[in-house]
C-alpha atoms as a PDB file:
ATOM      1  CA  MET A   1     -82.349   7.531 -27.317  1.00  0.00           C
ATOM      2  CA  SER A   2     -80.402   8.387 -23.984  1.00  0.00           C
ATOM      3  CA  ALA A   3     -77.583  10.800 -23.834  1.00  0.00           C
ATOM      4  CA  ILE A   4     -76.011   9.059 -20.823  1.00  0.00           C
ATOM      5  CA  GLU A   5     -76.506   5.442 -19.943  1.00  0.00           C
ATOM      6  CA  ILE A   6     -74.662   3.655 -16.871  1.00  0.00           C
ATOM      7  CA  GLU A   7     -75.254   0.205 -16.466  1.00  0.00           C
ATOM      8  CA  GLY A   8     -73.791  -1.852 -13.770  1.00  0.00           C
ATOM      9  CA  LEU A   9     -70.950   0.347 -12.698  1.00  0.00           C
ATOM     10  CA  HIS A  10     -68.557  -0.543 -10.113  1.00  0.00           C
ATOM     11  CA  THR A  11     -65.381   1.237  -9.808  1.00  0.00           C
ATOM     12  CA  TYR A  12     -62.879   0.947  -6.577  1.00  0.00           C
ATOM     13  CA  TYR A  13     -59.743   3.695  -5.445  1.00  0.00           C
ATOM     14  CA  GLY A  14     -57.505   0.761  -4.729  1.00  0.00           C
ATOM     15  CA  LYS A  15     -59.062  -2.054  -2.787  1.00  0.00           C
ATOM     16  CA  SER A  16     -61.443   0.446  -1.326  1.00  0.00           C
ATOM     17  CA  HIS A  17     -65.329  -0.395  -3.613  1.00  0.00           C
ATOM     18  CA  ILE A  18     -66.836   2.620  -4.561  1.00  0.00           C
ATOM     19  CA  LEU A  19     -69.510   2.386  -6.560  1.00  0.00           C
ATOM     20  CA  HIS A  20     -71.585  -0.889  -6.132  1.00  0.00           C
ATOM     21  CA  GLY A  21     -73.399  -1.749  -9.805  1.00  0.00           C
ATOM     22  CA  VAL A  22     -74.933   1.775 -10.418  1.00  0.00           C
ATOM     23  CA  SER A  23     -77.458   2.502 -13.150  1.00  0.00           C
ATOM     24  CA  LEU A  24     -78.826   5.435 -14.425  1.00  0.00           C
ATOM     25  CA  ARG A  25     -80.019   7.279 -17.238  1.00  0.00           C
ATOM     26  CA  VAL A  26     -79.852  10.798 -18.461  1.00  0.00           C
ATOM     27  CA  ALA A  27     -82.548  11.334 -21.418  1.00  0.00           C
ATOM     28  CA  GLU A  28     -81.974  13.588 -24.438  1.00  0.00           C
ATOM     29  CA  GLY A  29     -82.399  16.863 -24.026  1.00  0.00           C
ATOM     30  CA  LYS A  30     -83.802  16.622 -20.494  1.00  0.00           C
ATOM     31  CA  LEU A  31     -81.652  18.068 -17.225  1.00  0.00           C
ATOM     32  CA  THR A  32     -81.009  15.283 -14.557  1.00  0.00           C
ATOM     33  CA  THR A  33     -79.584  15.496 -11.151  1.00  0.00           C
ATOM     34  CA  LEU A  34     -77.626  12.959  -8.812  1.00  0.00           C
ATOM     35  CA  LEU A  35     -77.882  13.570  -5.002  1.00  0.00           C
ATOM     36  CA  GLY A  36     -76.539  12.516  -2.462  1.00  0.00           C
ATOM     37  CA  ARG A  37     -74.132  13.497   0.854  1.00  0.00           C
ATOM     38  CA  ASN A  38     -70.282  13.705   0.887  1.00  0.00           C
ATOM     39  CA  GLY A  39     -68.818  10.170  -0.030  1.00  0.00           C
ATOM     40  CA  ALA A  40     -71.641   9.379  -1.648  1.00  0.00           C
ATOM     41  CA  GLY A  41     -70.130   8.446  -4.526  1.00  0.00           C
ATOM     42  CA  LYS A  42     -71.292  11.213  -7.390  1.00  0.00           C
ATOM     43  CA  THR A  43     -68.174  12.380  -8.046  1.00  0.00           C
ATOM     44  CA  THR A  44     -66.433   8.866  -8.772  1.00  0.00           C
ATOM     45  CA  THR A  45     -69.570   8.229 -10.476  1.00  0.00           C
ATOM     46  CA  MET A  46     -68.969  11.391 -13.009  1.00  0.00           C
ATOM     47  CA  ARG A  47     -65.443  10.070 -13.181  1.00  0.00           C
ATOM     48  CA  SER A  48     -66.061   6.749 -14.141  1.00  0.00           C
ATOM     49  CA  VAL A  49     -68.483   7.867 -17.363  1.00  0.00           C
ATOM     50  CA  MET A  50     -64.996  10.298 -18.311  1.00  0.00           C
ATOM     51  CA  ASN A  51     -62.536   7.880 -17.778  1.00  0.00           C
ATOM     52  CA  LEU A  52     -60.588   9.359 -15.503  1.00  0.00           C
ATOM     53  CA  THR A  53     -61.518   6.594 -12.700  1.00  0.00           C
ATOM     54  CA  PRO A  54     -62.060   3.555 -14.824  1.00  0.00           C
ATOM     55  CA  PRO A  55     -64.964   1.481 -13.623  1.00  0.00           C
ATOM     56  CA  ARG A  56     -63.750  -2.405 -13.448  1.00  0.00           C
ATOM     57  CA  GLN A  57     -67.500  -3.291 -14.086  1.00  0.00           C
ATOM     58  CA  GLY A  58     -69.975  -2.025 -15.994  1.00  0.00           C
ATOM     59  CA  ARG A  59     -71.078  -0.045 -18.919  1.00  0.00           C
ATOM     60  CA  VAL A  60     -71.252   3.321 -20.313  1.00  0.00           C
ATOM     61  CA  THR A  61     -73.020   4.559 -23.667  1.00  0.00           C
ATOM     62  CA  VAL A  62     -72.936   8.079 -24.745  1.00  0.00           C
ATOM     63  CA  PHE A  63     -75.324   8.674 -27.630  1.00  0.00           C
ATOM     64  CA  GLY A  64     -75.657   4.901 -28.602  1.00  0.00           C
ATOM     65  CA  LYS A  65     -71.851   4.268 -28.282  1.00  0.00           C
ATOM     66  CA  ASP A  66     -70.103   2.190 -25.841  1.00  0.00           C
ATOM     67  CA  THR A  67     -67.583   4.548 -24.326  1.00  0.00           C
ATOM     68  CA  THR A  68     -66.306   2.372 -21.177  1.00  0.00           C
ATOM     69  CA  ARG A  69     -63.198   2.006 -22.310  1.00  0.00           C
ATOM     70  CA  TRP A  70     -62.435   5.239 -25.060  1.00  0.00           C
ATOM     71  CA  PRO A  71     -59.622   7.833 -23.321  1.00  0.00           C
ATOM     72  CA  THR A  72     -61.418  11.260 -21.776  1.00  0.00           C
ATOM     73  CA  PHE A  73     -60.327  13.243 -24.940  1.00  0.00           C
ATOM     74  CA  ARG A  74     -62.197  10.417 -27.232  1.00  0.00           C
ATOM     75  CA  ILE A  75     -65.255  10.952 -24.963  1.00  0.00           C
ATOM     76  CA  ALA A  76     -65.486  15.049 -24.922  1.00  0.00           C
ATOM     77  CA  ALA A  77     -65.031  14.834 -28.078  1.00  0.00           C
ATOM     78  CA  HIS A  78     -68.254  12.589 -28.725  1.00  0.00           C
ATOM     79  CA  GLY A  79     -69.774  16.069 -27.398  1.00  0.00           C
ATOM     80  CA  VAL A  80     -69.401  15.484 -23.864  1.00  0.00           C
ATOM     81  CA  GLY A  81     -68.596  18.536 -21.635  1.00  0.00           C
ATOM     82  CA  TYR A  82     -67.103  18.035 -18.314  1.00  0.00           C
ATOM     83  CA  VAL A  83     -67.144  20.766 -15.146  1.00  0.00           C
ATOM     84  CA  PRO A  84     -65.171  19.207 -12.392  1.00  0.00           C
ATOM     85  CA  GLU A  85     -65.553  20.369  -9.265  1.00  0.00           C
ATOM     86  CA  GLY A  86     -63.221  23.227  -8.107  1.00  0.00           C
ATOM     87  CA  ARG A  87     -63.385  25.773 -10.916  1.00  0.00           C
ATOM     88  CA  ARG A  88     -60.202  24.448 -12.748  1.00  0.00           C
ATOM     89  CA  ILE A  89     -59.705  27.856 -14.323  1.00  0.00           C
ATOM     90  CA  PHE A  90     -55.814  29.119 -15.070  1.00  0.00           C
ATOM     91  CA  PRO A  91     -55.578  31.622 -12.631  1.00  0.00           C
ATOM     92  CA  ASN A  92     -53.122  33.306 -14.195  1.00  0.00           C
ATOM     93  CA  LEU A  93     -54.631  34.324 -17.575  1.00  0.00           C
ATOM     94  CA  SER A  94     -57.227  36.912 -18.247  1.00  0.00           C
ATOM     95  CA  VAL A  95     -61.016  35.848 -18.413  1.00  0.00           C
ATOM     96  CA  GLU A  96     -60.209  36.372 -22.627  1.00  0.00           C
ATOM     97  CA  GLU A  97     -57.356  33.961 -22.524  1.00  0.00           C
ATOM     98  CA  ASN A  98     -59.267  31.071 -20.231  1.00  0.00           C
ATOM     99  CA  LEU A  99     -62.034  31.251 -23.051  1.00  0.00           C
ATOM    100  CA  LYS A 100     -59.584  30.670 -26.021  1.00  0.00           C
ATOM    101  CA  VAL A 101     -57.918  28.044 -24.543  1.00  0.00           C
ATOM    102  CA  PRO A 102     -60.568  25.242 -25.844  1.00  0.00           C
ATOM    103  CA  LEU A 103     -60.721  24.078 -28.987  1.00  0.00           C
ATOM    104  CA  GLU A 104     -63.425  25.477 -31.364  1.00  0.00           C
ATOM    105  CA  ARG A 105     -65.972  22.736 -32.410  1.00  0.00           C
ATOM    106  CA  PRO A 106     -68.100  23.746 -34.779  1.00  0.00           C
ATOM    107  CA  GLY A 107     -71.798  24.823 -33.198  1.00  0.00           C
ATOM    108  CA  PRO A 108     -74.035  28.011 -31.537  1.00  0.00           C
ATOM    109  CA  TRP A 109     -71.509  28.308 -28.839  1.00  0.00           C
ATOM    110  CA  THR A 110     -68.770  31.098 -29.233  1.00  0.00           C
ATOM    111  CA  ILE A 111     -67.054  33.709 -27.423  1.00  0.00           C
ATOM    112  CA  PRO A 112     -69.738  36.711 -27.964  1.00  0.00           C
ATOM    113  CA  ARG A 113     -72.901  34.220 -26.985  1.00  0.00           C
ATOM    114  CA  ILE A 114     -70.958  33.308 -23.997  1.00  0.00           C
ATOM    115  CA  TYR A 115     -70.994  37.413 -22.958  1.00  0.00           C
ATOM    116  CA  GLN A 116     -74.304  37.254 -23.779  1.00  0.00           C
ATOM    117  CA  LEU A 117     -75.617  34.615 -20.999  1.00  0.00           C
ATOM    118  CA  PHE A 118     -72.777  35.739 -18.988  1.00  0.00           C
ATOM    119  CA  PRO A 119     -72.614  39.627 -19.292  1.00  0.00           C
ATOM    120  CA  ARG A 120     -70.142  39.448 -15.711  1.00  0.00           C
ATOM    121  CA  LEU A 121     -67.376  38.032 -17.628  1.00  0.00           C
ATOM    122  CA  GLU A 122     -68.079  40.222 -20.377  1.00  0.00           C
ATOM    123  CA  GLU A 123     -67.441  43.256 -17.841  1.00  0.00           C
ATOM    124  CA  ARG A 124     -64.441  41.014 -16.400  1.00  0.00           C
ATOM    125  CA  ARG A 125     -62.799  40.048 -19.766  1.00  0.00           C
ATOM    126  CA  MET A 126     -59.001  41.756 -18.963  1.00  0.00           C
ATOM    127  CA  ASN A 127     -59.232  40.425 -15.399  1.00  0.00           C
ATOM    128  CA  ARG A 128     -57.315  37.540 -14.525  1.00  0.00           C
ATOM    129  CA  GLY A 129     -58.826  33.922 -13.463  1.00  0.00           C
ATOM    130  CA  ARG A 130     -57.606  34.627  -9.596  1.00  0.00           C
ATOM    131  CA  GLN A 131     -59.232  38.195  -9.472  1.00  0.00           C
ATOM    132  CA  LEU A 132     -62.451  36.268 -10.029  1.00  0.00           C
ATOM    133  CA  SER A 133     -64.992  35.551  -7.607  1.00  0.00           C
ATOM    134  CA  GLY A 134     -65.968  32.067  -6.455  1.00  0.00           C
ATOM    135  CA  GLY A 135     -69.017  32.646  -8.504  1.00  0.00           C
ATOM    136  CA  GLU A 136     -67.598  34.238 -11.745  1.00  0.00           C
ATOM    137  CA  GLN A 137     -65.046  31.893 -11.365  1.00  0.00           C
ATOM    138  CA  GLU A 138     -67.790  28.766 -11.671  1.00  0.00           C
ATOM    139  CA  MET A 139     -69.368  30.936 -14.539  1.00  0.00           C
ATOM    140  CA  LEU A 140     -65.810  30.901 -16.376  1.00  0.00           C
ATOM    141  CA  SER A 141     -65.882  27.426 -16.219  1.00  0.00           C
ATOM    142  CA  ILE A 142     -69.195  26.130 -17.568  1.00  0.00           C
ATOM    143  CA  ALA A 143     -68.205  28.926 -20.067  1.00  0.00           C
ATOM    144  CA  ARG A 144     -65.247  27.071 -21.266  1.00  0.00           C
ATOM    145  CA  ALA A 145     -67.256  23.975 -21.136  1.00  0.00           C
ATOM    146  CA  LEU A 146     -69.705  25.235 -24.046  1.00  0.00           C
ATOM    147  CA  LEU A 147     -67.524  26.619 -25.911  1.00  0.00           C
ATOM    148  CA  LEU A 148     -66.901  22.916 -26.837  1.00  0.00           C
ATOM    149  CA  ASN A 149     -70.339  22.843 -28.274  1.00  0.00           C
ATOM    150  CA  PRO A 150     -71.354  19.627 -26.295  1.00  0.00           C
ATOM    151  CA  ARG A 151     -74.673  17.805 -26.580  1.00  0.00           C
ATOM    152  CA  VAL A 152     -74.339  16.552 -23.162  1.00  0.00           C
ATOM    153  CA  LEU A 153     -73.110  18.675 -20.020  1.00  0.00           C
ATOM    154  CA  ILE A 154     -71.737  17.130 -16.812  1.00  0.00           C
ATOM    155  CA  LEU A 155     -71.647  19.703 -13.774  1.00  0.00           C
ATOM    156  CA  ASP A 156     -69.941  18.541 -10.465  1.00  0.00           C
ATOM    157  CA  GLU A 157     -70.860  20.626  -7.598  1.00  0.00           C
ATOM    158  CA  PRO A 158     -71.591  23.881  -9.671  1.00  0.00           C
ATOM    159  CA  SER A 159     -73.187  25.394  -6.530  1.00  0.00           C
ATOM    160  CA  GLN A 160     -70.227  24.942  -3.783  1.00  0.00           C
ATOM    161  CA  GLY A 161     -68.957  27.717  -1.675  1.00  0.00           C
ATOM    162  CA  LEU A 162     -70.990  30.061  -3.727  1.00  0.00           C
ATOM    163  CA  ALA A 163     -73.204  33.254  -1.886  1.00  0.00           C
ATOM    164  CA  PRO A 164     -77.161  32.234  -2.150  1.00  0.00           C
ATOM    165  CA  LEU A 165     -77.781  34.898  -4.634  1.00  0.00           C
ATOM    166  CA  ILE A 166     -75.185  33.343  -6.911  1.00  0.00           C
ATOM    167  CA  VAL A 167     -76.150  29.728  -6.570  1.00  0.00           C
ATOM    168  CA  ARG A 168     -79.498  31.208  -7.926  1.00  0.00           C
ATOM    169  CA  ASP A 169     -77.754  32.948 -11.069  1.00  0.00           C
ATOM    170  CA  VAL A 170     -75.935  29.641 -11.530  1.00  0.00           C
ATOM    171  CA  PHE A 171     -78.616  27.305 -11.288  1.00  0.00           C
ATOM    172  CA  ARG A 172     -80.637  29.774 -13.682  1.00  0.00           C
ATOM    173  CA  ILE A 173     -78.301  29.235 -16.379  1.00  0.00           C
ATOM    174  CA  VAL A 174     -77.914  24.981 -16.119  1.00  0.00           C
ATOM    175  CA  SER A 175     -81.604  26.011 -16.862  1.00  0.00           C
ATOM    176  CA  GLN A 176     -81.596  27.659 -19.438  1.00  0.00           C
ATOM    177  CA  MET A 177     -78.547  24.466 -20.800  1.00  0.00           C
ATOM    178  CA  ARG A 178     -81.394  22.021 -20.747  1.00  0.00           C
ATOM    179  CA  ASP A 179     -83.612  25.134 -22.250  1.00  0.00           C
ATOM    180  CA  GLU A 180     -81.160  25.165 -25.132  1.00  0.00           C
ATOM    181  CA  GLY A 181     -81.445  21.778 -26.305  1.00  0.00           C
ATOM    182  CA  ILE A 182     -78.376  20.514 -24.463  1.00  0.00           C
ATOM    183  CA  SER A 183     -78.381  16.874 -22.085  1.00  0.00           C
ATOM    184  CA  VAL A 184     -77.544  17.917 -18.655  1.00  0.00           C
ATOM    185  CA  LEU A 185     -76.563  15.743 -16.096  1.00  0.00           C
ATOM    186  CA  LEU A 186     -76.043  17.391 -12.517  1.00  0.00           C
ATOM    187  CA  VAL A 187     -74.077  16.151  -9.355  1.00  0.00           C
ATOM    188  CA  GLU A 188     -75.374  18.492  -6.582  1.00  0.00           C
ATOM    189  CA  GLN A 189     -75.814  18.785  -2.340  1.00  0.00           C
ATOM    190  CA  ASN A 190     -78.447  21.519  -3.170  1.00  0.00           C
ATOM    191  CA  VAL A 191     -81.275  19.407  -2.677  1.00  0.00           C
ATOM    192  CA  ARG A 192     -84.112  22.166  -2.632  1.00  0.00           C
ATOM    193  CA  MET A 193     -82.035  23.537  -5.606  1.00  0.00           C
ATOM    194  CA  SER A 194     -81.468  21.185  -7.829  1.00  0.00           C
ATOM    195  CA  LEU A 195     -85.030  19.444  -7.628  1.00  0.00           C
ATOM    196  CA  GLU A 196     -86.836  23.003  -8.505  1.00  0.00           C
ATOM    197  CA  VAL A 197     -84.979  23.007 -12.442  1.00  0.00           C
ATOM    198  CA  ALA A 198     -84.542  18.668 -12.597  1.00  0.00           C
ATOM    199  CA  ASP A 199     -87.006  16.309 -15.137  1.00  0.00           C
ATOM    200  CA  HIS A 200     -85.526  13.361 -13.012  1.00  0.00           C
ATOM    201  CA  ALA A 201     -83.545  12.699  -9.833  1.00  0.00           C
ATOM    202  CA  TYR A 202     -81.476   9.876  -8.955  1.00  0.00           C
ATOM    203  CA  VAL A 203     -79.740   9.728  -4.794  1.00  0.00           C
ATOM    204  CA  LEU A 204     -76.642   8.063  -4.768  1.00  0.00           C
ATOM    205  CA  ASP A 205     -75.776   6.388  -0.765  1.00  0.00           C
ATOM    206  CA  ASP A 206     -72.996   4.617  -0.330  1.00  0.00           C
ATOM    207  CA  GLY A 207     -72.056   3.789  -3.711  1.00  0.00           C
ATOM    208  CA  ALA A 208     -75.850   2.570  -4.441  1.00  0.00           C
ATOM    209  CA  ILE A 209     -78.750   3.805  -6.203  1.00  0.00           C
ATOM    210  CA  VAL A 210     -81.471   4.372  -3.603  1.00  0.00           C
ATOM    211  CA  TYR A 211     -83.778   6.613  -5.643  1.00  0.00           C
ATOM    212  CA  ASP A 212     -84.581   7.093  -9.307  1.00  0.00           C
ATOM    213  CA  GLY A 213     -88.011   8.621 -10.465  1.00  0.00           C
ATOM    214  CA  PRO A 214     -89.143  12.158 -11.198  1.00  0.00           C
ATOM    215  CA  ALA A 215     -87.438  15.295  -9.695  1.00  0.00           C
ATOM    216  CA  ALA A 216     -91.127  16.702  -9.076  1.00  0.00           C
ATOM    217  CA  GLU A 217     -92.316  13.528  -6.803  1.00  0.00           C
ATOM    218  CA  LEU A 218     -89.143  13.822  -4.788  1.00  0.00           C
ATOM    219  CA  ALA A 219     -89.407  17.051  -4.486  1.00  0.00           C
ATOM    220  CA  ALA A 220     -93.107  16.904  -2.505  1.00  0.00           C
ATOM    221  CA  ASP A 221     -91.852  14.029  -0.573  1.00  0.00           C
ATOM    222  CA  GLU A 222     -90.278  16.285   2.582  1.00  0.00           C
ATOM    223  CA  GLU A 223     -89.430  12.818   5.120  1.00  0.00           C
ATOM    224  CA  ARG A 224     -86.700  11.854   2.161  1.00  0.00           C
ATOM    225  CA  ILE A 225     -85.265  15.427   1.473  1.00  0.00           C
ATOM    226  CA  GLN A 226     -84.515  15.703   4.810  1.00  0.00           C
ATOM    227  CA  ALA A 227     -83.538  12.448   5.014  1.00  0.00           C
ATOM    228  CA  LEU A 228     -80.919  13.048   2.450  1.00  0.00           C
ATOM    229  CA  ALA A 229     -78.557  14.932   5.268  1.00  0.00           C
ATOM    230  CA  GLY A 230     -78.134  11.683   7.109  1.00  0.00           C
ATOM    231  CA  ALA A 231     -79.615   8.530   6.497  1.00  0.00           C
ATOM    232  CA  THR A 232     -78.374   5.026   5.272  1.00  0.00           C
ATOM    233  CA  ALA A 233     -79.256   3.205   2.143  1.00  0.00           C
ATOM    234  CA  GLU A 234     -80.787   0.964   4.415  1.00  0.00           C
ATOM    235  CA  GLU A 235     -83.584   3.554   5.895  1.00  0.00           C
ATOM    236  CA  TRP A 236     -83.904   4.516   1.849  1.00  0.00           C
ATOM    237  CA  GLN A 237     -84.992   1.325   0.485  1.00  0.00           C
ATOM    238  CA  GLU A 238     -87.530   1.408   4.115  1.00  0.00           C
ATOM    239  CA  ALA A 239     -88.758   4.803   3.209  1.00  0.00           C
ATOM    240  CA  ALA A 240     -88.987   3.610  -0.454  1.00  0.00           C
ATOM    241  CA  SER A 241     -91.328   0.416   0.481  1.00  0.00           C
ATOM    242  CA  ALA A 242     -93.117   2.118   3.147  1.00  0.00           C
END
């Protein structure tokens, strides 16, 4: 069974057609990455999965259930943890108070276990959210999602704006999620790091999937990796057929 299966999504913002028949699959227990330039439609894909921006056509299945029209809270309760870009923590609450916001769900992830995974958060547990560095805020965002004990975790640009050393830390944690048995969908612009940790990769360009294959295969294709910085969908398709 797939953790998430997306089939033929068409999503709009008003009259703007953003996703053009996007299909992808997140295998259970695997780390899948969705890559692409700014404006390619990566965040819209995630928002469509969570029904925050409902698709007009297509279907989303989560662990075998058609969730396309479900409200967001019901999708989350079905086992989907979502960490949106922008580190939306509560700036005036302490780290500990932020961690107590999610409703507890039974499972292995508890606050003491979170502190084992993120010792930096334990050191700063009395600090307010706004006093944390960008990397610490990202860790706190991921920690809050884990406390819901999700079966699948969606991460949108977790490395955005972070120093290289902290980026490595964040990707190590993302890999550990997969090793713990959580299925992961990672949306990223850091191509090389994503391909290092992922099992499978998709590339989105202008709202369409232009690559679908093993992450290791894409990582070995230097020309395609370079193309991610500026290739059009047509150029990608030409590269694929070459």
